[in-house]
C-alpha atoms as a PDB file:
ATOM      1  CA  MET A   1       8.648 -57.858 206.242  1.00  0.00           C
ATOM      2  CA  SER A   2       8.576 -60.154 203.281  1.00  0.00           C
ATOM      3  CA  ILE A   3       6.161 -62.504 205.032  1.00  0.00           C
ATOM      4  CA  LEU A   4       3.270 -59.993 205.236  1.00  0.00           C
ATOM      5  CA  PRO A   5       2.399 -59.755 201.521  1.00  0.00           C
ATOM      6  CA  THR A   6       2.577 -63.510 201.187  1.00  0.00           C
ATOM      7  CA  THR A   7       0.291 -64.026 204.155  1.00  0.00           C
ATOM      8  CA  GLY A   8      -2.167 -61.413 202.905  1.00  0.00           C
ATOM      9  CA  SER A   9      -2.163 -62.946 199.449  1.00  0.00           C
ATOM     10  CA  ALA A  10      -2.762 -66.412 200.827  1.00  0.00           C
ATOM     11  CA  ALA A  11      -5.559 -65.172 203.056  1.00  0.00           C
ATOM     12  CA  SER A  12      -7.111 -63.393 200.098  1.00  0.00           C
ATOM     13  CA  GLY A  13      -6.917 -66.579 198.039  1.00  0.00           C
ATOM     14  CA  VAL A  14      -8.552 -68.606 200.792  1.00  0.00           C
ATOM     15  CA  SER A  15     -11.313 -66.014 201.189  1.00  0.00           C
ATOM     16  CA  ARG A  16     -11.897 -65.916 197.437  1.00  0.00           C
ATOM     17  CA  GLY A  17     -12.037 -69.711 197.243  1.00  0.00           C
ATOM     18  CA  PHE A  18     -14.494 -69.852 200.131  1.00  0.00           C
ATOM     19  CA  SER A  19     -16.655 -67.213 198.423  1.00  0.00           C
ATOM     20  CA  ILE A  20     -16.741 -69.207 195.200  1.00  0.00           C
ATOM     21  CA  ARG A  21     -17.782 -72.351 197.072  1.00  0.00           C
ATOM     22  CA  ARG A  22     -20.459 -70.410 198.920  1.00  0.00           C
ATOM     23  CA  GLU A  23     -21.859 -68.931 195.707  1.00  0.00           C
ATOM     24  CA  ALA A  24     -21.840 -72.344 194.005  1.00  0.00           C
ATOM     25  CA  ALA A  25     -23.577 -73.941 196.981  1.00  0.00           C
ATOM     26  CA  ALA A  26     -26.187 -71.173 196.997  1.00  0.00           C
ATOM     27  CA  ALA A  27     -26.857 -71.574 193.269  1.00  0.00           C
ATOM     28  CA  GLY A  28     -27.210 -75.330 193.774  1.00  0.00           C
ATOM     29  CA  ALA A  29     -29.662 -74.814 196.638  1.00  0.00           C
ATOM     30  CA  ILE A  30     -31.815 -72.473 194.535  1.00  0.00           C
ATOM     31  CA  ALA A  31     -31.761 -74.974 191.658  1.00  0.00           C
ATOM     32  CA  ALA A  32     -32.725 -77.814 194.014  1.00  0.00           C
ATOM     33  CA  ARG A  33     -35.664 -75.738 195.249  1.00  0.00           C
ATOM     34  CA  ASP A  34     -37.023 -75.438 191.690  1.00  0.00           C
ATOM     35  CA  VAL A  35     -36.703 -79.194 191.150  1.00  0.00           C
ATOM     36  CA  THR A  36     -38.472 -79.849 194.464  1.00  0.00           C
ATOM     37  CA  LYS A  37     -41.274 -77.456 193.497  1.00  0.00           C
ATOM     38  CA  LEU A  38     -41.784 -79.441 190.289  1.00  0.00           C
ATOM     39  CA  LEU A  39     -41.970 -82.746 192.163  1.00  0.00           C
ATOM     40  CA  ARG A  40     -44.511 -81.272 194.585  1.00  0.00           C
ATOM     41  CA  ASP A  41     -46.718 -79.896 191.796  1.00  0.00           C
ATOM     42  CA  PRO A  42     -48.385 -82.945 190.190  1.00  0.00           C
ATOM     43  CA  ILE A  43     -50.456 -80.882 187.749  1.00  0.00           C
ATOM     44  CA  ARG A  44     -47.395 -79.138 186.333  1.00  0.00           C
ATOM     45  CA  LEU A  45     -45.439 -82.388 186.318  1.00  0.00           C
ATOM     46  CA  VAL A  46     -48.119 -84.409 184.516  1.00  0.00           C
ATOM     47  CA  GLY A  47     -48.967 -81.566 182.142  1.00  0.00           C
ATOM     48  CA  GLY A  48     -45.334 -81.036 181.236  1.00  0.00           C
ATOM     49  CA  LEU A  49     -44.912 -84.741 180.510  1.00  0.00           C
ATOM     50  CA  ILE A  50     -48.159 -85.380 178.621  1.00  0.00           C
ATOM     51  CA  PHE A  51     -48.510 -82.214 176.540  1.00  0.00           C
ATOM     52  CA  PRO A  52     -45.466 -82.783 174.273  1.00  0.00           C
ATOM     53  CA  ALA A  53     -46.410 -86.443 173.858  1.00  0.00           C
ATOM     54  CA  LEU A  54     -49.894 -85.419 172.685  1.00  0.00           C
ATOM     55  CA  PHE A  55     -48.334 -83.015 170.207  1.00  0.00           C
ATOM     56  CA  ILE A  56     -46.281 -85.800 168.688  1.00  0.00           C
ATOM     57  CA  GLY A  57     -49.042 -88.390 168.733  1.00  0.00           C
ATOM     58  CA  VAL A  58     -51.965 -86.242 167.569  1.00  0.00           C
ATOM     59  CA  LEU A  59     -50.448 -83.412 165.573  1.00  0.00           C
ATOM     60  CA  GLY A  60     -47.526 -85.471 164.326  1.00  0.00           C
ATOM     61  CA  GLY A  61     -49.826 -88.280 163.206  1.00  0.00           C
ATOM     62  CA  ALA A  62     -52.145 -85.805 161.447  1.00  0.00           C
ATOM     63  CA  PHE A  63     -49.260 -84.114 159.625  1.00  0.00           C
ATOM     64  CA  ALA A  64     -47.679 -87.406 158.652  1.00  0.00           C
ATOM     65  CA  SER A  65     -50.929 -88.787 157.197  1.00  0.00           C
ATOM     66  CA  ASN A  66     -52.094 -85.638 155.389  1.00  0.00           C
ATOM     67  CA  PHE A  67     -48.937 -83.884 154.254  1.00  0.00           C
ATOM     68  CA  GLU A  68     -45.831 -84.947 152.406  1.00  0.00           C
ATOM     69  CA  SER A  69     -42.362 -83.465 152.231  1.00  0.00           C
ATOM     70  CA  PRO A  70     -39.834 -84.891 149.762  1.00  0.00           C
ATOM     71  CA  GLY A  71     -37.223 -87.011 151.508  1.00  0.00           C
ATOM     72  CA  ILE A  72     -38.613 -86.380 155.020  1.00  0.00           C
ATOM     73  CA  ASP A  73     -40.611 -88.774 157.185  1.00  0.00           C
ATOM     74  CA  LEU A  74     -42.724 -86.242 159.084  1.00  0.00           C
ATOM     75  CA  LEU A  75     -43.303 -88.255 162.276  1.00  0.00           C
ATOM     76  CA  PRO A  76     -39.582 -88.460 163.256  1.00  0.00           C
ATOM     77  CA  PHE A  77     -39.191 -84.908 161.953  1.00  0.00           C
ATOM     78  CA  ILE A  78     -41.888 -83.635 164.341  1.00  0.00           C
ATOM     79  CA  PHE A  79     -40.514 -85.822 167.145  1.00  0.00           C
ATOM     80  CA  ALA A  80     -37.123 -84.096 166.960  1.00  0.00           C
ATOM     81  CA  GLY A  81     -38.800 -80.686 166.686  1.00  0.00           C
ATOM     82  CA  GLN A  82     -40.983 -81.330 169.725  1.00  0.00           C
ATOM     83  CA  LEU A  83     -38.020 -82.596 171.708  1.00  0.00           C
ATOM     84  CA  ALA A  84     -36.214 -79.300 171.121  1.00  0.00           C
ATOM     85  CA  GLN A  85     -39.290 -77.132 171.574  1.00  0.00           C
ATOM     86  CA  GLY A  86     -40.364 -78.839 174.790  1.00  0.00           C
ATOM     87  CA  VAL A  87     -36.990 -78.459 176.518  1.00  0.00           C
ATOM     88  CA  TRP A  88     -36.398 -74.906 175.287  1.00  0.00           C
ATOM     89  CA  GLN A  89     -39.895 -73.715 176.157  1.00  0.00           C
ATOM     90  CA  SER A  90     -39.971 -75.412 179.564  1.00  0.00           C
ATOM     91  CA  ALA A  91     -36.663 -73.841 180.579  1.00  0.00           C
ATOM     92  CA  ALA A  92     -37.729 -70.399 179.335  1.00  0.00           C
ATOM     93  CA  LEU A  93     -41.188 -70.446 180.947  1.00  0.00           C
ATOM     94  CA  GLY A  94     -39.713 -71.626 184.230  1.00  0.00           C
ATOM     95  CA  LEU A  95     -37.980 -68.280 184.669  1.00  0.00           C
ATOM     96  CA  ILE A  96     -41.403 -66.713 185.300  1.00  0.00           C
ATOM     97  CA  SER A  97     -40.978 -68.095 188.817  1.00  0.00           C
ATOM     98  CA  ILE A  98     -38.555 -65.203 189.414  1.00  0.00           C
ATOM     99  CA  LEU A  99     -41.511 -62.820 189.143  1.00  0.00           C
ATOM    100  CA  GLU A 100     -43.602 -65.095 191.336  1.00  0.00           C
ATOM    101  CA  ASP A 101     -40.882 -65.073 193.998  1.00  0.00           C
ATOM    102  CA  ARG A 102     -40.715 -61.292 193.757  1.00  0.00           C
ATOM    103  CA  GLU A 103     -44.476 -60.915 194.277  1.00  0.00           C
ATOM    104  CA  ASN A 104     -44.381 -63.321 197.238  1.00  0.00           C
ATOM    105  CA  ASP A 105     -41.401 -61.426 198.708  1.00  0.00           C
ATOM    106  CA  PHE A 106     -39.406 -64.661 198.667  1.00  0.00           C
ATOM    107  CA  SER A 107     -36.734 -62.964 196.582  1.00  0.00           C
ATOM    108  CA  GLN A 108     -36.260 -60.343 199.283  1.00  0.00           C
ATOM    109  CA  GLU A 109     -35.560 -63.121 201.778  1.00  0.00           C
ATOM    110  CA  ILE A 110     -32.883 -64.491 199.468  1.00  0.00           C
ATOM    111  CA  PHE A 111     -31.333 -61.076 198.926  1.00  0.00           C
ATOM    112  CA  VAL A 112     -30.490 -60.672 202.622  1.00  0.00           C
ATOM    113  CA  ALA A 113     -28.268 -63.762 202.341  1.00  0.00           C
ATOM    114  CA  PRO A 114     -24.545 -63.109 201.744  1.00  0.00           C
ATOM    115  CA  ILE A 115     -24.664 -64.164 198.079  1.00  0.00           C
ATOM    116  CA  GLY A 116     -24.614 -62.221 194.833  1.00  0.00           C
ATOM    117  CA  ARG A 117     -27.776 -61.504 192.892  1.00  0.00           C
ATOM    118  CA  ARG A 118     -26.146 -62.963 189.807  1.00  0.00           C
ATOM    119  CA  THR A 119     -25.840 -66.193 191.785  1.00  0.00           C
ATOM    120  CA  ILE A 120     -29.603 -66.156 192.370  1.00  0.00           C
ATOM    121  CA  LEU A 121     -30.279 -65.834 188.657  1.00  0.00           C
ATOM    122  CA  ALA A 122     -27.685 -68.527 187.879  1.00  0.00           C
ATOM    123  CA  GLY A 123     -29.417 -70.866 190.337  1.00  0.00           C
ATOM    124  CA  LYS A 124     -32.808 -70.217 188.718  1.00  0.00           C
ATOM    125  CA  ILE A 125     -31.396 -70.907 185.260  1.00  0.00           C
ATOM    126  CA  LEU A 126     -29.736 -74.116 186.443  1.00  0.00           C
ATOM    127  CA  GLY A 127     -32.903 -75.263 188.221  1.00  0.00           C
ATOM    128  CA  GLU A 128     -35.235 -74.641 185.289  1.00  0.00           C
ATOM    129  CA  SER A 129     -32.779 -76.313 182.910  1.00  0.00           C
ATOM    130  CA  LEU A 130     -32.893 -79.429 185.118  1.00  0.00           C
ATOM    131  CA  VAL A 131     -36.687 -79.246 185.335  1.00  0.00           C
ATOM    132  CA  ALA A 132     -36.891 -79.420 181.524  1.00  0.00           C
ATOM    133  CA  PHE A 133     -35.202 -82.827 181.327  1.00  0.00           C
ATOM    134  CA  PRO A 134     -38.023 -85.094 182.594  1.00  0.00           C
ATOM    135  CA  GLN A 135     -40.037 -83.748 179.684  1.00  0.00           C
ATOM    136  CA  ALA A 136     -37.255 -84.632 177.246  1.00  0.00           C
ATOM    137  CA  PHE A 137     -36.992 -88.227 178.452  1.00  0.00           C
ATOM    138  CA  THR A 138     -40.780 -88.600 178.294  1.00  0.00           C
ATOM    139  CA  VAL A 139     -40.790 -87.427 174.681  1.00  0.00           C
ATOM    140  CA  MET A 140     -38.047 -89.948 173.873  1.00  0.00           C
ATOM    141  CA  LEU A 141     -39.982 -92.796 175.506  1.00  0.00           C
ATOM    142  CA  PHE A 142     -43.178 -91.817 173.724  1.00  0.00           C
ATOM    143  CA  GLY A 143     -41.298 -91.670 170.436  1.00  0.00           C
ATOM    144  CA  ILE A 144     -40.070 -95.224 170.985  1.00  0.00           C
ATOM    145  CA  VAL A 145     -43.654 -96.323 171.706  1.00  0.00           C
ATOM    146  CA  LEU A 146     -44.755 -94.773 168.396  1.00  0.00           C
ATOM    147  CA  GLY A 147     -42.019 -96.689 166.588  1.00  0.00           C
ATOM    148  CA  ILE A 148     -39.789 -93.706 165.873  1.00  0.00           C
ATOM    149  CA  PRO A 149     -36.212 -94.940 165.299  1.00  0.00           C
ATOM    150  CA  LEU A 150     -33.988 -93.974 168.217  1.00  0.00           C
ATOM    151  CA  THR A 151     -30.648 -95.692 168.617  1.00  0.00           C
ATOM    152  CA  LEU A 152     -28.300 -95.516 171.592  1.00  0.00           C
ATOM    153  CA  ALA A 153     -25.862 -93.490 169.495  1.00  0.00           C
ATOM    154  CA  GLN A 154     -28.603 -90.968 168.762  1.00  0.00           C
ATOM    155  CA  VAL A 155     -29.467 -90.709 172.467  1.00  0.00           C
ATOM    156  CA  PHE A 156     -25.825 -89.988 173.349  1.00  0.00           C
ATOM    157  CA  ALA A 157     -25.732 -87.332 170.604  1.00  0.00           C
ATOM    158  CA  LEU A 158     -29.003 -85.774 171.787  1.00  0.00           C
ATOM    159  CA  ILE A 159     -28.186 -85.437 175.507  1.00  0.00           C
ATOM    160  CA  PRO A 160     -25.403 -82.783 175.252  1.00  0.00           C
ATOM    161  CA  ALA A 161     -27.421 -80.951 172.601  1.00  0.00           C
ATOM    162  CA  LEU A 162     -30.432 -80.905 174.946  1.00  0.00           C
ATOM    163  CA  VAL A 163     -28.286 -79.529 177.790  1.00  0.00           C
ATOM    164  CA  LEU A 164     -27.237 -76.632 175.564  1.00  0.00           C
ATOM    165  CA  VAL A 165     -30.821 -76.085 174.382  1.00  0.00           C
ATOM    166  CA  ALA A 166     -32.090 -76.001 177.992  1.00  0.00           C
ATOM    167  CA  ILE A 167     -29.527 -73.368 179.018  1.00  0.00           C
ATOM    168  CA  PHE A 168     -30.300 -71.444 175.820  1.00  0.00           C
ATOM    169  CA  GLY A 169     -34.035 -71.473 176.609  1.00  0.00           C
ATOM    170  CA  ALA A 170     -33.452 -70.433 180.217  1.00  0.00           C
ATOM    171  CA  SER A 171     -31.230 -67.539 179.130  1.00  0.00           C
ATOM    172  CA  PHE A 172     -33.953 -66.382 176.720  1.00  0.00           C
ATOM    173  CA  GLY A 173     -36.497 -66.591 179.538  1.00  0.00           C
ATOM    174  CA  ALA A 174     -34.197 -64.636 181.855  1.00  0.00           C
ATOM    175  CA  LEU A 175     -33.875 -61.864 179.267  1.00  0.00           C
ATOM    176  CA  ILE A 176     -37.646 -61.578 178.755  1.00  0.00           C
ATOM    177  CA  VAL A 177     -38.450 -61.774 182.473  1.00  0.00           C
ATOM    178  CA  SER A 178     -35.895 -59.066 183.280  1.00  0.00           C
ATOM    179  CA  LEU A 179     -37.948 -56.658 181.133  1.00  0.00           C
ATOM    180  CA  LEU A 180     -41.289 -57.374 182.843  1.00  0.00           C
ATOM    181  CA  PRO A 181     -42.676 -55.921 186.069  1.00  0.00           C
ATOM    182  CA  ASN A 182     -44.864 -58.807 187.274  1.00  0.00           C
ATOM    183  CA  GLN A 183     -46.111 -62.338 186.630  1.00  0.00           C
ATOM    184  CA  ARG A 184     -49.347 -61.171 185.023  1.00  0.00           C
ATOM    185  CA  SER A 185     -47.419 -59.328 182.330  1.00  0.00           C
ATOM    186  CA  ALA A 186     -45.327 -62.446 181.705  1.00  0.00           C
ATOM    187  CA  ASN A 187     -48.401 -64.673 181.352  1.00  0.00           C
ATOM    188  CA  LEU A 188     -49.842 -62.257 178.786  1.00  0.00           C
ATOM    189  CA  LEU A 189     -46.635 -61.738 176.822  1.00  0.00           C
ATOM    190  CA  PHE A 190     -45.097 -65.199 176.675  1.00  0.00           C
ATOM    191  CA  PRO A 191     -47.758 -66.784 174.387  1.00  0.00           C
ATOM    192  CA  PHE A 192     -47.149 -64.013 171.824  1.00  0.00           C
ATOM    193  CA  VAL A 193     -43.412 -64.628 172.078  1.00  0.00           C
ATOM    194  CA  PHE A 194     -43.602 -68.423 171.813  1.00  0.00           C
ATOM    195  CA  LEU A 195     -46.468 -69.328 169.485  1.00  0.00           C
ATOM    196  CA  PRO A 196     -45.095 -67.703 166.296  1.00  0.00           C
ATOM    197  CA  GLN A 197     -41.733 -69.376 166.914  1.00  0.00           C
ATOM    198  CA  PHE A 198     -43.283 -72.868 166.886  1.00  0.00           C
ATOM    199  CA  PHE A 199     -43.960 -72.463 163.165  1.00  0.00           C
ATOM    200  CA  LEU A 200     -41.148 -70.068 162.229  1.00  0.00           C
ATOM    201  CA  ALA A 201     -38.622 -72.440 163.837  1.00  0.00           C
ATOM    202  CA  GLY A 202     -39.971 -75.487 162.013  1.00  0.00           C
ATOM    203  CA  SER A 203     -41.034 -77.475 165.070  1.00  0.00           C
ATOM    204  CA  PHE A 204     -43.826 -79.085 163.023  1.00  0.00           C
ATOM    205  CA  ASN A 205     -43.170 -78.073 159.447  1.00  0.00           C
ATOM    206  CA  PRO A 206     -40.203 -77.889 157.064  1.00  0.00           C
ATOM    207  CA  ILE A 207     -39.070 -74.268 156.662  1.00  0.00           C
ATOM    208  CA  ARG A 208     -36.438 -74.565 153.957  1.00  0.00           C
ATOM    209  CA  ASP A 209     -38.602 -72.838 151.319  1.00  0.00           C
ATOM    210  CA  LEU A 210     -40.359 -70.084 153.261  1.00  0.00           C
ATOM    211  CA  PRO A 211     -41.340 -66.769 151.598  1.00  0.00           C
ATOM    212  CA  TRP A 212     -38.598 -64.168 152.044  1.00  0.00           C
ATOM    213  CA  TYR A 213     -40.407 -62.196 154.751  1.00  0.00           C
ATOM    214  CA  LEU A 214     -41.111 -65.318 156.802  1.00  0.00           C
ATOM    215  CA  ASP A 215     -37.550 -66.520 156.232  1.00  0.00           C
ATOM    216  CA  ILE A 216     -36.245 -63.290 157.804  1.00  0.00           C
ATOM    217  CA  ALA A 217     -38.588 -63.750 160.777  1.00  0.00           C
ATOM    218  CA  SER A 218     -37.483 -67.388 161.047  1.00  0.00           C
ATOM    219  CA  HIS A 219     -33.816 -66.409 161.281  1.00  0.00           C
ATOM    220  CA  ILE A 220     -34.672 -63.964 164.081  1.00  0.00           C
ATOM    221  CA  ALA A 221     -36.497 -66.634 166.114  1.00  0.00           C
ATOM    222  CA  PRO A 222     -34.088 -68.187 168.673  1.00  0.00           C
ATOM    223  CA  LEU A 223     -36.036 -71.454 168.737  1.00  0.00           C
ATOM    224  CA  ARG A 224     -35.050 -72.095 165.108  1.00  0.00           C
ATOM    225  CA  TYR A 225     -31.455 -72.811 166.104  1.00  0.00           C
ATOM    226  CA  ALA A 226     -32.444 -75.033 169.026  1.00  0.00           C
ATOM    227  CA  VAL A 227     -34.707 -77.129 166.784  1.00  0.00           C
ATOM    228  CA  ASP A 228     -32.101 -77.400 164.049  1.00  0.00           C
ATOM    229  CA  LEU A 229     -29.403 -78.416 166.542  1.00  0.00           C
ATOM    230  CA  ILE A 230     -31.550 -81.253 167.899  1.00  0.00           C
ATOM    231  CA  ARG A 231     -32.404 -82.400 164.373  1.00  0.00           C
ATOM    232  CA  GLY A 232     -28.716 -82.338 163.534  1.00  0.00           C
ATOM    233  CA  ALA A 233     -28.006 -84.552 166.555  1.00  0.00           C
ATOM    234  CA  TYR A 234     -30.856 -86.897 165.634  1.00  0.00           C
ATOM    235  CA  TYR A 235     -30.380 -87.190 161.860  1.00  0.00           C
ATOM    236  CA  GLY A 236     -26.705 -86.372 161.469  1.00  0.00           C
ATOM    237  CA  PHE A 237     -25.342 -83.886 158.967  1.00  0.00           C
ATOM    238  CA  PRO A 238     -25.756 -83.419 156.071  1.00  0.00           C
ATOM    239  CA  ASN A 239     -29.431 -84.393 155.859  1.00  0.00           C
ATOM    240  CA  VAL A 240     -32.403 -82.864 154.045  1.00  0.00           C
ATOM    241  CA  ALA A 241     -34.178 -82.343 157.399  1.00  0.00           C
ATOM    242  CA  VAL A 242     -31.271 -80.316 158.855  1.00  0.00           C
ATOM    243  CA  LEU A 243     -30.805 -76.688 157.830  1.00  0.00           C
ATOM    244  CA  SER A 244     -27.273 -75.923 159.068  1.00  0.00           C
ATOM    245  CA  ASP A 245     -24.138 -77.658 160.288  1.00  0.00           C
ATOM    246  CA  PRO A 246     -24.560 -78.492 164.017  1.00  0.00           C
ATOM    247  CA  ILE A 247     -21.162 -76.890 164.702  1.00  0.00           C
ATOM    248  CA  TRP A 248     -22.535 -73.608 163.350  1.00  0.00           C
ATOM    249  CA  ASN A 249     -25.654 -73.955 165.514  1.00  0.00           C
ATOM    250  CA  VAL A 250     -23.596 -74.727 168.636  1.00  0.00           C
ATOM    251  CA  GLY A 251     -21.419 -71.643 168.095  1.00  0.00           C
ATOM    252  CA  LEU A 252     -24.373 -69.365 167.411  1.00  0.00           C
ATOM    253  CA  ILE A 253     -26.374 -70.694 170.374  1.00  0.00           C
ATOM    254  CA  ALA A 254     -23.360 -70.232 172.668  1.00  0.00           C
ATOM    255  CA  ILE A 255     -22.950 -66.608 171.532  1.00  0.00           C
ATOM    256  CA  LEU A 256     -26.670 -65.846 171.873  1.00  0.00           C
ATOM    257  CA  THR A 257     -26.742 -67.483 175.308  1.00  0.00           C
ATOM    258  CA  VAL A 258     -23.869 -65.341 176.575  1.00  0.00           C
ATOM    259  CA  VAL A 259     -25.424 -62.165 175.144  1.00  0.00           C
ATOM    260  CA  MET A 260     -28.897 -62.862 176.560  1.00  0.00           C
ATOM    261  CA  LEU A 261     -27.519 -63.916 179.932  1.00  0.00           C
ATOM    262  CA  SER A 262     -25.348 -60.802 180.149  1.00  0.00           C
ATOM    263  CA  ILE A 263     -28.195 -58.423 179.291  1.00  0.00           C
ATOM    264  CA  GLY A 264     -30.759 -60.324 181.377  1.00  0.00           C
ATOM    265  CA  THR A 265     -28.481 -60.443 184.421  1.00  0.00           C
ATOM    266  CA  LEU A 266     -27.644 -56.744 184.137  1.00  0.00           C
ATOM    267  CA  LEU A 267     -31.323 -55.775 183.919  1.00  0.00           C
ATOM    268  CA  PHE A 268     -32.309 -58.188 186.683  1.00  0.00           C
ATOM    269  CA  VAL A 269     -29.702 -56.864 189.119  1.00  0.00           C
ATOM    270  CA  ARG A 270     -30.597 -53.265 188.274  1.00  0.00           C
ATOM    271  CA  SER A 271     -34.326 -53.827 188.761  1.00  0.00           C
ATOM    272  CA  GLU A 272     -33.799 -55.492 192.133  1.00  0.00           C
ATOM    273  CA  ARG A 273     -31.507 -52.725 193.321  1.00  0.00           C
ATOM    274  CA  ASN A 274     -34.168 -50.155 192.429  1.00  0.00           C
ATOM    275  CA  ARG A 275     -36.914 -51.896 194.404  1.00  0.00           C
END
């Protein structure tokens, strides 16, 4: 008699372990699909690599030659801002592919598989976070070409910060996408969500002395904390170019990521169940 509970418990543990492996494998397969789609889309690949470099070279050069900020060399300042913005934006925009899959009925094909819908969203977030990294390395290489100081120690400090920023951006994208009915709505809404943040977050410009109403808007913008974290990793802390302690930014980004992922996943699963 005493053997039965033990056997059932062991069988349950084996089944649970197998389920976890299956869900992890499914998430990995969905992520790999997004990476493959990037490699097979030369226009998106080239555009994603060149656009941030042009921002640094053209806009960064124009700002550096025409504007001054006490104690800040604007070209490295914009380089760090573009590095954060590029990774965060790429990961967030990539989640629009969820709506594309829904319109093409690809998502319905996935849903008949014996995996959870949260696993599908996790795979999309992982995939788009990975897709953002070629852009980051291109920005770093272009910065070196422009003569922006970038030591090996700075690279090792930037990589984990970029991983967190990519997941943060993808979680923000998942939240926004979960509120939208189709890809057309996303294409119309996302520019209004992103463009103000480029300036409120300080991607190009110092924001330490903003007017009070813009300062409030800046603190609401999620991109602000991603940009400041990357600048903290690049410059070190304290530094006049860095607004807050990187430890504070890491904690806040982690909390915001969990909150956005929780709400986005809940809304995503509910919307798919109601289809």
